[in-house]
Amino acid sequence: MVTIVELEEENEEIETLAVKKQILLEQSGDVLEEIHKTRELMMEEFERIHIETVLSYQEKIEKEAQEYEQIYEETKLRIEEETVELQNKLCEFLEEIIEEKGKLIELTMQEKECRKITDEIFEIIQNWTDIGFIFSQILGMREAQNVVEDTCSEETDPLVVKILDKIKQRIFGKVQTILRLHQSNSEKIDGVLKRIDEFLDFVELGYNELSRSIFILVLNSMKNVPFNTLENQDLTDDNIDNVKESVNKIRDFLSYVPLCQLRPRKSLRQFLWDEIDSYQRDNDIFFDLENL
């Protein structure tokens, strides 16, 4: 049987356990409160760290955005400047092309004009050759006329008169042909003399001004030959001799004029040669063009 002492001891133990339990409950409440406080502190710390991290990232992003915006503005400005520079260079290049094209067009027109003048010059020479040939025929007819007049004592003889009239008619016809050629030449010569200094050169290892001067003298002499004196009904030997002297003088002068060296002034070919010379000078190089 359980004694009272044992019951009291058990009761004391129960009370002791109850006290311990109460103490433990109180201690566990403190622990829970500490845990709660610690949790709140941790949450506050986490929130603070999160906010700081977000703010840091936001600041970093804003800084990078400013840097990128600055880079964008600088790049945009540089592109605009380069675009303007390229546009200016393109405009200058186009202006140079237009200027060069204008020069080429002008040179082409000048070359056409030069060729026209050159053709006129050779037409003048051809006409003069025909005039010289026809005049030599007149000289022959005039000599035949003199022979008939000297050998025939009876100038009233109908046959002699007929022969002399026929010779005079032929001479008159030849003179008219010469006058037509001379008139055509005079008109052409006037045009050539006005433009020869501007458009034509004699070229032989450089410009030959002596040939130009002689040729101008020849052209002026051609204009001034007194062919109109041949139209006189009473044609005299003096008239013939004056014309003959002028014709012979012009023929002699023409022999000194190198027509094969006649060139258009500043032709396209000469323009290209000048461009090559300029390139060689600017770049200090030399092209051996003689062996091409």
C-alpha atoms as a PDB file:
ATOM      1  CA  MET A   1       0.000   0.000   0.000  1.00  0.00           C
ATOM      2  CA  VAL A   2       1.031   3.529  -0.731  1.00  0.00           C
ATOM      3  CA  THR A   3       1.776   5.418   2.294  1.00  0.00           C
ATOM      4  CA  ILE A   4       0.970   9.011   2.989  1.00  0.00           C
ATOM      5  CA  VAL A   5       4.636   9.834   2.861  1.00  0.00           C
ATOM      6  CA  GLU A   6       4.914   8.433  -0.617  1.00  0.00           C
ATOM      7  CA  LEU A   7       1.833  10.337  -1.726  1.00  0.00           C
ATOM      8  CA  GLU A   8       3.233  13.516  -0.307  1.00  0.00           C
ATOM      9  CA  GLU A   9       6.493  12.888  -2.101  1.00  0.00           C
ATOM     10  CA  GLU A  10       4.668  12.239  -5.356  1.00  0.00           C
ATOM     11  CA  ASN A  11       2.569  15.321  -4.786  1.00  0.00           C
ATOM     12  CA  GLU A  12       5.714  17.363  -4.209  1.00  0.00           C
ATOM     13  CA  GLU A  13       7.204  15.973  -7.401  1.00  0.00           C
ATOM     14  CA  ILE A  14       4.029  16.849  -9.291  1.00  0.00           C
ATOM     15  CA  GLU A  15       4.123  20.348  -7.921  1.00  0.00           C
ATOM     16  CA  THR A  16       7.779  20.576  -8.793  1.00  0.00           C
ATOM     17  CA  LEU A  17       7.042  19.417 -12.315  1.00  0.00           C
ATOM     18  CA  ALA A  18       4.186  21.892 -12.550  1.00  0.00           C
ATOM     19  CA  VAL A  19       6.511  24.684 -11.465  1.00  0.00           C
ATOM     20  CA  LYS A  20       9.107  23.549 -13.973  1.00  0.00           C
ATOM     21  CA  LYS A  21       6.402  23.377 -16.624  1.00  0.00           C
ATOM     22  CA  GLN A  22       5.310  26.886 -15.805  1.00  0.00           C
ATOM     23  CA  ILE A  23       8.887  28.042 -15.946  1.00  0.00           C
ATOM     24  CA  LEU A  24       9.346  26.270 -19.276  1.00  0.00           C
ATOM     25  CA  LEU A  25       6.137  27.826 -20.576  1.00  0.00           C
ATOM     26  CA  GLU A  26       7.337  31.236 -19.525  1.00  0.00           C
ATOM     27  CA  GLN A  27      10.731  30.590 -21.071  1.00  0.00           C
ATOM     28  CA  SER A  28       9.158  29.269 -24.288  1.00  0.00           C
ATOM     29  CA  GLY A  29       7.031  32.415 -24.500  1.00  0.00           C
ATOM     30  CA  ASP A  30      10.167  34.517 -24.207  1.00  0.00           C
ATOM     31  CA  VAL A  31      11.833  32.382 -26.863  1.00  0.00           C
ATOM     32  CA  LEU A  32       8.840  32.745 -29.173  1.00  0.00           C
ATOM     33  CA  GLU A  33       8.830  36.473 -28.552  1.00  0.00           C
ATOM     34  CA  GLU A  34      12.546  36.623 -29.315  1.00  0.00           C
ATOM     35  CA  ILE A  35      11.991  34.512 -32.418  1.00  0.00           C
ATOM     36  CA  HIS A  36       9.198  36.852 -33.472  1.00  0.00           C
ATOM     37  CA  LYS A  37      11.374  39.892 -32.835  1.00  0.00           C
ATOM     38  CA  THR A  38      14.271  38.240 -34.650  1.00  0.00           C
ATOM     39  CA  ARG A  39      11.977  37.414 -37.552  1.00  0.00           C
ATOM     40  CA  GLU A  40      10.744  40.983 -37.690  1.00  0.00           C
ATOM     41  CA  LEU A  41      14.313  42.280 -37.568  1.00  0.00           C
ATOM     42  CA  MET A  42      15.326  39.857 -40.304  1.00  0.00           C
ATOM     43  CA  MET A  43      12.376  40.904 -42.445  1.00  0.00           C
ATOM     44  CA  GLU A  44      13.226  44.544 -41.877  1.00  0.00           C
ATOM     45  CA  GLU A  45      16.856  43.814 -42.784  1.00  0.00           C
ATOM     46  CA  PHE A  46      15.795  41.842 -45.856  1.00  0.00           C
ATOM     47  CA  GLU A  47      13.493  44.676 -46.861  1.00  0.00           C
ATOM     48  CA  ARG A  48      16.261  47.228 -46.294  1.00  0.00           C
ATOM     49  CA  ILE A  49      18.741  45.151 -48.299  1.00  0.00           C
ATOM     50  CA  HIS A  50      16.134  44.652 -51.018  1.00  0.00           C
ATOM     51  CA  ILE A  51      15.403  48.364 -51.178  1.00  0.00           C
ATOM     52  CA  GLU A  52      19.104  49.205 -51.208  1.00  0.00           C
ATOM     53  CA  THR A  53      19.677  46.624 -53.941  1.00  0.00           C
ATOM     54  CA  VAL A  54      16.767  47.960 -55.989  1.00  0.00           C
ATOM     55  CA  LEU A  55      17.964  51.530 -55.499  1.00  0.00           C
ATOM     56  CA  SER A  56      21.488  50.494 -56.427  1.00  0.00           C
ATOM     57  CA  TYR A  57      20.284  48.749 -59.576  1.00  0.00           C
ATOM     58  CA  GLN A  58      18.031  51.700 -60.369  1.00  0.00           C
ATOM     59  CA  GLU A  59      20.922  54.122 -59.923  1.00  0.00           C
ATOM     60  CA  LYS A  60      23.165  51.892 -62.035  1.00  0.00           C
ATOM     61  CA  ILE A  61      20.512  51.592 -64.747  1.00  0.00           C
ATOM     62  CA  GLU A  62      19.924  55.350 -64.724  1.00  0.00           C
ATOM     63  CA  LYS A  63      23.669  55.965 -64.952  1.00  0.00           C
ATOM     64  CA  GLU A  64      24.033  53.492 -67.817  1.00  0.00           C
ATOM     65  CA  ALA A  65      20.976  55.018 -69.483  1.00  0.00           C
ATOM     66  CA  GLN A  66      22.588  58.454 -69.243  1.00  0.00           C
ATOM     67  CA  GLU A  67      25.836  57.055 -70.651  1.00  0.00           C
ATOM     68  CA  TYR A  68      23.990  55.333 -73.489  1.00  0.00           C
ATOM     69  CA  GLU A  69      21.978  58.485 -74.140  1.00  0.00           C
ATOM     70  CA  GLN A  70      25.203  60.509 -74.235  1.00  0.00           C
ATOM     71  CA  ILE A  71      26.786  57.947 -76.571  1.00  0.00           C
ATOM     72  CA  TYR A  72      23.649  58.066 -78.728  1.00  0.00           C
ATOM     73  CA  GLU A  73      23.690  61.875 -78.884  1.00  0.00           C
ATOM     74  CA  GLU A  74      27.426  61.922 -79.642  1.00  0.00           C
ATOM     75  CA  THR A  75      27.000  59.227 -82.287  1.00  0.00           C
ATOM     76  CA  LYS A  76      24.002  61.035 -83.753  1.00  0.00           C
ATOM     77  CA  LEU A  77      25.959  64.314 -83.835  1.00  0.00           C
ATOM     78  CA  ARG A  78      28.972  62.589 -85.415  1.00  0.00           C
ATOM     79  CA  ILE A  79      26.771  60.914 -88.014  1.00  0.00           C
ATOM     80  CA  GLU A  80      25.114  64.249 -88.791  1.00  0.00           C
ATOM     81  CA  GLU A  81      28.520  65.934 -89.132  1.00  0.00           C
ATOM     82  CA  GLU A  82      29.823  63.099 -91.311  1.00  0.00           C
ATOM     83  CA  THR A  83      26.617  63.235 -93.369  1.00  0.00           C
ATOM     84  CA  VAL A  84      27.017  66.980 -93.883  1.00  0.00           C
ATOM     85  CA  GLU A  85      30.693  66.482 -94.725  1.00  0.00           C
ATOM     86  CA  LEU A  86      29.872  63.710 -97.193  1.00  0.00           C
ATOM     87  CA  GLN A  87      27.115  65.822 -98.725  1.00  0.00           C
ATOM     88  CA  ASN A  88      29.545  68.732 -99.105  1.00  0.00           C
ATOM     89  CA  LYS A  89      32.163  66.448-100.648  1.00  0.00           C
ATOM     90  CA  LEU A  90      29.525  64.969-102.940  1.00  0.00           C
ATOM     91  CA  CYS A  91      28.400  68.459-103.960  1.00  0.00           C
ATOM     92  CA  GLU A  92      32.012  69.472-104.612  1.00  0.00           C
ATOM     93  CA  PHE A  93      32.577  66.259-106.564  1.00  0.00           C
ATOM     94  CA  LEU A  94      29.432  66.831-108.623  1.00  0.00           C
ATOM     95  CA  GLU A  95      30.452  70.442-109.206  1.00  0.00           C
ATOM     96  CA  GLU A  96      33.864  69.246-110.400  1.00  0.00           C
ATOM     97  CA  ILE A  97      32.208  66.689-112.685  1.00  0.00           C
ATOM     98  CA  ILE A  98      29.832  69.354-114.020  1.00  0.00           C
ATOM     99  CA  GLU A  99      32.753  71.745-114.488  1.00  0.00           C
ATOM    100  CA  GLU A 100      34.841  69.089-116.244  1.00  0.00           C
ATOM    101  CA  LYS A 101      31.857  68.080-118.364  1.00  0.00           C
ATOM    102  CA  GLY A 102      31.312  71.737-119.192  1.00  0.00           C
ATOM    103  CA  LYS A 103      34.959  72.014-120.201  1.00  0.00           C
ATOM    104  CA  LEU A 104      34.667  68.913-122.362  1.00  0.00           C
ATOM    105  CA  ILE A 105      31.476  70.222-123.966  1.00  0.00           C
ATOM    106  CA  GLU A 106      33.160  73.558-124.606  1.00  0.00           C
ATOM    107  CA  LEU A 107      36.244  71.819-125.984  1.00  0.00           C
ATOM    108  CA  THR A 108      34.064  69.622-128.173  1.00  0.00           C
ATOM    109  CA  MET A 109      32.321  72.686-129.562  1.00  0.00           C
ATOM    110  CA  GLN A 110      35.668  74.404-130.068  1.00  0.00           C
ATOM    111  CA  GLU A 111      37.043  71.316-131.777  1.00  0.00           C
ATOM    112  CA  LYS A 112      34.039  71.229-134.113  1.00  0.00           C
ATOM    113  CA  GLU A 113      34.635  74.900-134.863  1.00  0.00           C
ATOM    114  CA  CYS A 114      38.340  74.176-135.392  1.00  0.00           C
ATOM    115  CA  ARG A 115      37.539  71.356-137.789  1.00  0.00           C
ATOM    116  CA  LYS A 116      35.156  73.642-139.629  1.00  0.00           C
ATOM    117  CA  ILE A 117      37.877  76.293-139.945  1.00  0.00           C
ATOM    118  CA  THR A 118      40.415  73.647-140.964  1.00  0.00           C
ATOM    119  CA  ASP A 119      38.029  72.421-143.667  1.00  0.00           C
ATOM    120  CA  GLU A 120      37.571  76.012-144.838  1.00  0.00           C
ATOM    121  CA  ILE A 121      41.339  76.480-144.984  1.00  0.00           C
ATOM    122  CA  PHE A 122      41.777  73.422-147.175  1.00  0.00           C
ATOM    123  CA  GLU A 123      38.866  74.600-149.338  1.00  0.00           C
ATOM    124  CA  ILE A 124      40.727  77.912-149.706  1.00  0.00           C
ATOM    125  CA  ILE A 125      43.908  76.055-150.667  1.00  0.00           C
ATOM    126  CA  GLN A 126      41.963  73.866-153.115  1.00  0.00           C
ATOM    127  CA  ASN A 127      40.328  76.951-154.652  1.00  0.00           C
ATOM    128  CA  TRP A 128      43.714  78.621-154.880  1.00  0.00           C
ATOM    129  CA  THR A 129      45.160  75.539-156.577  1.00  0.00           C
ATOM    130  CA  ASP A 130      42.315  75.716-159.102  1.00  0.00           C
ATOM    131  CA  ILE A 131      42.928  79.459-159.541  1.00  0.00           C
ATOM    132  CA  GLY A 132      46.625  78.831-160.175  1.00  0.00           C
ATOM    133  CA  PHE A 133      45.858  76.120-162.707  1.00  0.00           C
ATOM    134  CA  ILE A 134      43.253  78.253-164.529  1.00  0.00           C
ATOM    135  CA  PHE A 135      45.586  81.263-164.481  1.00  0.00           C
ATOM    136  CA  SER A 136      48.321  79.151-166.063  1.00  0.00           C
ATOM    137  CA  GLN A 137      45.802  78.312-168.804  1.00  0.00           C
ATOM    138  CA  ILE A 138      45.139  82.050-169.240  1.00  0.00           C
ATOM    139  CA  LEU A 139      48.887  82.638-169.561  1.00  0.00           C
ATOM    140  CA  GLY A 140      49.045  79.969-172.244  1.00  0.00           C
ATOM    141  CA  MET A 141      46.082  81.497-174.090  1.00  0.00           C
ATOM    142  CA  ARG A 142      47.605  84.949-173.744  1.00  0.00           C
ATOM    143  CA  GLU A 143      50.857  83.655-175.217  1.00  0.00           C
ATOM    144  CA  ALA A 144      48.932  82.040-178.079  1.00  0.00           C
ATOM    145  CA  GLN A 145      47.124  85.364-178.629  1.00  0.00           C
ATOM    146  CA  ASN A 146      50.444  87.223-178.801  1.00  0.00           C
ATOM    147  CA  VAL A 147      51.850  84.641-181.214  1.00  0.00           C
ATOM    148  CA  VAL A 148      48.822  85.017-183.508  1.00  0.00           C
ATOM    149  CA  GLU A 149      49.049  88.800-183.364  1.00  0.00           C
ATOM    150  CA  ASP A 150      52.802  88.771-184.034  1.00  0.00           C
ATOM    151  CA  THR A 151      52.747  86.217-186.861  1.00  0.00           C
ATOM    152  CA  CYS A 152      49.660  87.426-188.686  1.00  0.00           C
ATOM    153  CA  SER A 153      50.288  90.680-190.571  1.00  0.00           C
ATOM    154  CA  GLU A 154      46.668  91.039-191.595  1.00  0.00           C
ATOM    155  CA  GLU A 155      44.786  91.491-188.306  1.00  0.00           C
ATOM    156  CA  THR A 156      41.657  92.282-190.296  1.00  0.00           C
ATOM    157  CA  ASP A 157      41.682  88.832-191.821  1.00  0.00           C
ATOM    158  CA  PRO A 158      38.356  87.248-190.792  1.00  0.00           C
ATOM    159  CA  LEU A 159      40.083  83.998-189.791  1.00  0.00           C
ATOM    160  CA  VAL A 160      42.586  85.851-187.623  1.00  0.00           C
ATOM    161  CA  VAL A 161      39.833  87.941-186.081  1.00  0.00           C
ATOM    162  CA  LYS A 162      37.815  84.799-185.404  1.00  0.00           C
ATOM    163  CA  ILE A 163      40.787  83.074-183.753  1.00  0.00           C
ATOM    164  CA  LEU A 164      41.592  86.127-181.622  1.00  0.00           C
ATOM    165  CA  ASP A 165      37.939  86.538-180.581  1.00  0.00           C
ATOM    166  CA  LYS A 166      37.754  82.885-179.644  1.00  0.00           C
ATOM    167  CA  ILE A 167      40.928  83.190-177.540  1.00  0.00           C
ATOM    168  CA  LYS A 168      39.600  86.332-175.845  1.00  0.00           C
ATOM    169  CA  GLN A 169      36.272  84.629-175.116  1.00  0.00           C
ATOM    170  CA  ARG A 170      38.045  81.677-173.546  1.00  0.00           C
ATOM    171  CA  ILE A 171      40.266  83.999-171.538  1.00  0.00           C
ATOM    172  CA  PHE A 172      37.162  85.913-170.409  1.00  0.00           C
ATOM    173  CA  GLY A 173      35.445  82.652-169.382  1.00  0.00           C
ATOM    174  CA  LYS A 174      38.517  81.556-167.417  1.00  0.00           C
ATOM    175  CA  VAL A 175      38.707  84.991-165.782  1.00  0.00           C
ATOM    176  CA  GLN A 176      35.068  84.705-164.664  1.00  0.00           C
ATOM    177  CA  THR A 177      35.805  81.303-163.134  1.00  0.00           C
ATOM    178  CA  ILE A 178      38.823  82.759-161.316  1.00  0.00           C
ATOM    179  CA  LEU A 179      36.743  85.684-160.049  1.00  0.00           C
ATOM    180  CA  ARG A 180      34.080  83.335-158.672  1.00  0.00           C
ATOM    181  CA  LEU A 181      36.716  81.242-156.907  1.00  0.00           C
ATOM    182  CA  HIS A 182      38.449  84.400-155.681  1.00  0.00           C
ATOM    183  CA  GLN A 183      35.166  85.800-154.305  1.00  0.00           C
ATOM    184  CA  SER A 184      34.455  82.519-152.516  1.00  0.00           C
ATOM    185  CA  ASN A 185      37.984  82.498-151.122  1.00  0.00           C
ATOM    186  CA  SER A 186      37.774  86.107-149.948  1.00  0.00           C
ATOM    187  CA  GLU A 187      34.631  85.360-147.924  1.00  0.00           C
ATOM    188  CA  LYS A 188      36.201  82.267-146.388  1.00  0.00           C
ATOM    189  CA  ILE A 189      39.475  84.088-145.696  1.00  0.00           C
ATOM    190  CA  ASP A 190      37.664  86.862-143.809  1.00  0.00           C
ATOM    191  CA  GLY A 191      36.081  84.272-141.503  1.00  0.00           C
ATOM    192  CA  VAL A 192      39.317  82.334-141.024  1.00  0.00           C
ATOM    193  CA  LEU A 193      41.386  85.437-140.225  1.00  0.00           C
ATOM    194  CA  LYS A 194      38.924  86.422-137.505  1.00  0.00           C
ATOM    195  CA  ARG A 195      39.216  83.036-135.776  1.00  0.00           C
ATOM    196  CA  ILE A 196      42.639  81.627-136.595  1.00  0.00           C
ATOM    197  CA  ASP A 197      44.357  83.162-133.554  1.00  0.00           C
ATOM    198  CA  GLU A 198      41.693  81.714-131.280  1.00  0.00           C
ATOM    199  CA  PHE A 199      41.323  78.235-132.726  1.00  0.00           C
ATOM    200  CA  LEU A 200      44.321  77.129-134.792  1.00  0.00           C
ATOM    201  CA  ASP A 201      48.025  76.470-134.281  1.00  0.00           C
ATOM    202  CA  PHE A 202      50.892  75.045-136.244  1.00  0.00           C
ATOM    203  CA  VAL A 203      52.390  72.381-134.009  1.00  0.00           C
ATOM    204  CA  GLU A 204      55.891  70.983-134.447  1.00  0.00           C
ATOM    205  CA  LEU A 205      57.452  70.112-131.083  1.00  0.00           C
ATOM    206  CA  GLY A 206      55.624  73.159-129.751  1.00  0.00           C
ATOM    207  CA  TYR A 207      53.730  76.036-131.294  1.00  0.00           C
ATOM    208  CA  ASN A 208      55.240  77.500-134.455  1.00  0.00           C
ATOM    209  CA  GLU A 209      54.353  81.188-134.493  1.00  0.00           C
ATOM    210  CA  LEU A 210      56.441  81.823-137.632  1.00  0.00           C
ATOM    211  CA  SER A 211      54.253  79.457-139.653  1.00  0.00           C
ATOM    212  CA  ARG A 212      51.166  81.196-138.283  1.00  0.00           C
ATOM    213  CA  SER A 213      52.521  84.628-139.301  1.00  0.00           C
ATOM    214  CA  ILE A 214      53.452  83.427-142.790  1.00  0.00           C
ATOM    215  CA  PHE A 215      50.062  81.784-143.249  1.00  0.00           C
ATOM    216  CA  ILE A 216      48.202  84.939-142.180  1.00  0.00           C
ATOM    217  CA  LEU A 217      50.351  86.898-144.650  1.00  0.00           C
ATOM    218  CA  VAL A 218      49.468  84.382-147.386  1.00  0.00           C
ATOM    219  CA  LEU A 219      45.736  84.655-146.658  1.00  0.00           C
ATOM    220  CA  ASN A 220      45.828  88.445-146.751  1.00  0.00           C
ATOM    221  CA  SER A 221      47.832  88.317-149.991  1.00  0.00           C
ATOM    222  CA  MET A 222      45.250  85.992-151.551  1.00  0.00           C
ATOM    223  CA  LYS A 223      42.528  88.545-150.826  1.00  0.00           C
ATOM    224  CA  ASN A 224      44.506  91.370-152.416  1.00  0.00           C
ATOM    225  CA  VAL A 225      45.445  89.761-155.752  1.00  0.00           C
ATOM    226  CA  PRO A 226      44.071  92.162-158.451  1.00  0.00           C
ATOM    227  CA  PHE A 227      42.162  89.533-160.426  1.00  0.00           C
ATOM    228  CA  ASN A 228      39.532  92.158-161.310  1.00  0.00           C
ATOM    229  CA  THR A 229      42.041  93.785-163.706  1.00  0.00           C
ATOM    230  CA  LEU A 230      41.771  90.683-165.892  1.00  0.00           C
ATOM    231  CA  GLU A 231      38.213  91.717-166.784  1.00  0.00           C
ATOM    232  CA  ASN A 232      39.436  94.688-168.841  1.00  0.00           C
ATOM    233  CA  GLN A 233      38.575  94.429-172.526  1.00  0.00           C
ATOM    234  CA  ASP A 234      42.005  95.775-173.388  1.00  0.00           C
ATOM    235  CA  LEU A 235      43.959  93.321-171.287  1.00  0.00           C
ATOM    236  CA  THR A 236      47.613  94.354-171.225  1.00  0.00           C
ATOM    237  CA  ASP A 237      50.762  92.466-170.435  1.00  0.00           C
ATOM    238  CA  ASP A 238      51.227  94.705-167.394  1.00  0.00           C
ATOM    239  CA  ASN A 239      47.904  93.512-165.976  1.00  0.00           C
ATOM    240  CA  ILE A 240      48.926  89.917-166.579  1.00  0.00           C
ATOM    241  CA  ASP A 241      52.398  90.448-165.104  1.00  0.00           C
ATOM    242  CA  ASN A 242      51.033  92.069-161.927  1.00  0.00           C
ATOM    243  CA  VAL A 243      48.684  89.168-161.299  1.00  0.00           C
ATOM    244  CA  LYS A 244      51.389  86.655-162.241  1.00  0.00           C
ATOM    245  CA  GLU A 245      53.820  88.228-159.781  1.00  0.00           C
ATOM    246  CA  SER A 246      51.249  88.062-156.961  1.00  0.00           C
ATOM    247  CA  VAL A 247      50.321  84.468-157.791  1.00  0.00           C
ATOM    248  CA  ASN A 248      53.965  83.363-157.877  1.00  0.00           C
ATOM    249  CA  LYS A 249      54.696  85.154-154.593  1.00  0.00           C
ATOM    250  CA  ILE A 250      51.773  83.442-152.868  1.00  0.00           C
ATOM    251  CA  ARG A 251      52.834  80.082-154.306  1.00  0.00           C
ATOM    252  CA  ASP A 252      56.337  80.609-152.904  1.00  0.00           C
ATOM    253  CA  PHE A 253      54.968  81.592-149.497  1.00  0.00           C
ATOM    254  CA  LEU A 254      52.695  78.551-149.421  1.00  0.00           C
ATOM    255  CA  SER A 255      55.709  76.306-149.894  1.00  0.00           C
ATOM    256  CA  TYR A 256      56.940  77.528-146.480  1.00  0.00           C
ATOM    257  CA  VAL A 257      53.629  76.882-144.721  1.00  0.00           C
ATOM    258  CA  PRO A 258      53.549  73.357-143.185  1.00  0.00           C
ATOM    259  CA  LEU A 259      49.840  72.666-143.566  1.00  0.00           C
ATOM    260  CA  CYS A 260      50.413  69.116-142.297  1.00  0.00           C
ATOM    261  CA  GLN A 261      51.212  70.664-138.884  1.00  0.00           C
ATOM    262  CA  LEU A 262      47.957  72.609-138.718  1.00  0.00           C
ATOM    263  CA  ARG A 263      46.157  71.655-135.514  1.00  0.00           C
ATOM    264  CA  PRO A 264      43.066  72.818-133.618  1.00  0.00           C
ATOM    265  CA  ARG A 265      44.065  74.975-130.680  1.00  0.00           C
ATOM    266  CA  LYS A 266      43.487  73.234-127.337  1.00  0.00           C
ATOM    267  CA  SER A 267      41.799  70.188-128.835  1.00  0.00           C
ATOM    268  CA  LEU A 268      40.503  67.315-126.713  1.00  0.00           C
ATOM    269  CA  ARG A 269      43.721  65.447-127.385  1.00  0.00           C
ATOM    270  CA  GLN A 270      45.782  68.421-126.250  1.00  0.00           C
ATOM    271  CA  PHE A 271      43.535  68.744-123.192  1.00  0.00           C
ATOM    272  CA  LEU A 272      44.240  65.104-122.258  1.00  0.00           C
ATOM    273  CA  TRP A 273      47.972  65.608-122.755  1.00  0.00           C
ATOM    274  CA  ASP A 274      47.829  68.645-120.473  1.00  0.00           C
ATOM    275  CA  GLU A 275      46.011  66.567-117.854  1.00  0.00           C
ATOM    276  CA  ILE A 276      48.734  63.890-118.055  1.00  0.00           C
ATOM    277  CA  ASP A 277      51.462  66.528-117.730  1.00  0.00           C
ATOM    278  CA  SER A 278      49.699  68.052-114.734  1.00  0.00           C
ATOM    279  CA  TYR A 279      49.350  64.629-113.059  1.00  0.00           C
ATOM    280  CA  GLN A 280      53.034  63.902-113.626  1.00  0.00           C
ATOM    281  CA  ARG A 281      54.041  67.231-112.095  1.00  0.00           C
ATOM    282  CA  ASP A 282      51.739  66.892-109.085  1.00  0.00           C
ATOM    283  CA  ASN A 283      52.823  63.321-108.300  1.00  0.00           C
ATOM    284  CA  ASP A 284      56.478  63.647-109.295  1.00  0.00           C
ATOM    285  CA  ILE A 285      56.308  60.680-111.680  1.00  0.00           C
ATOM    286  CA  PHE A 286      57.067  60.227-115.342  1.00  0.00           C
ATOM    287  CA  PHE A 287      55.307  58.115-117.961  1.00  0.00           C
ATOM    288  CA  ASP A 288      57.485  56.845-120.779  1.00  0.00           C
ATOM    289  CA  LEU A 289      54.900  57.556-123.469  1.00  0.00           C
ATOM    290  CA  GLU A 290      57.370  57.614-126.355  1.00  0.00           C
ATOM    291  CA  ASN A 291      57.717  53.822-126.300  1.00  0.00           C
ATOM    292  CA  LEU A 292      53.986  53.104-126.175  1.00  0.00           C
END
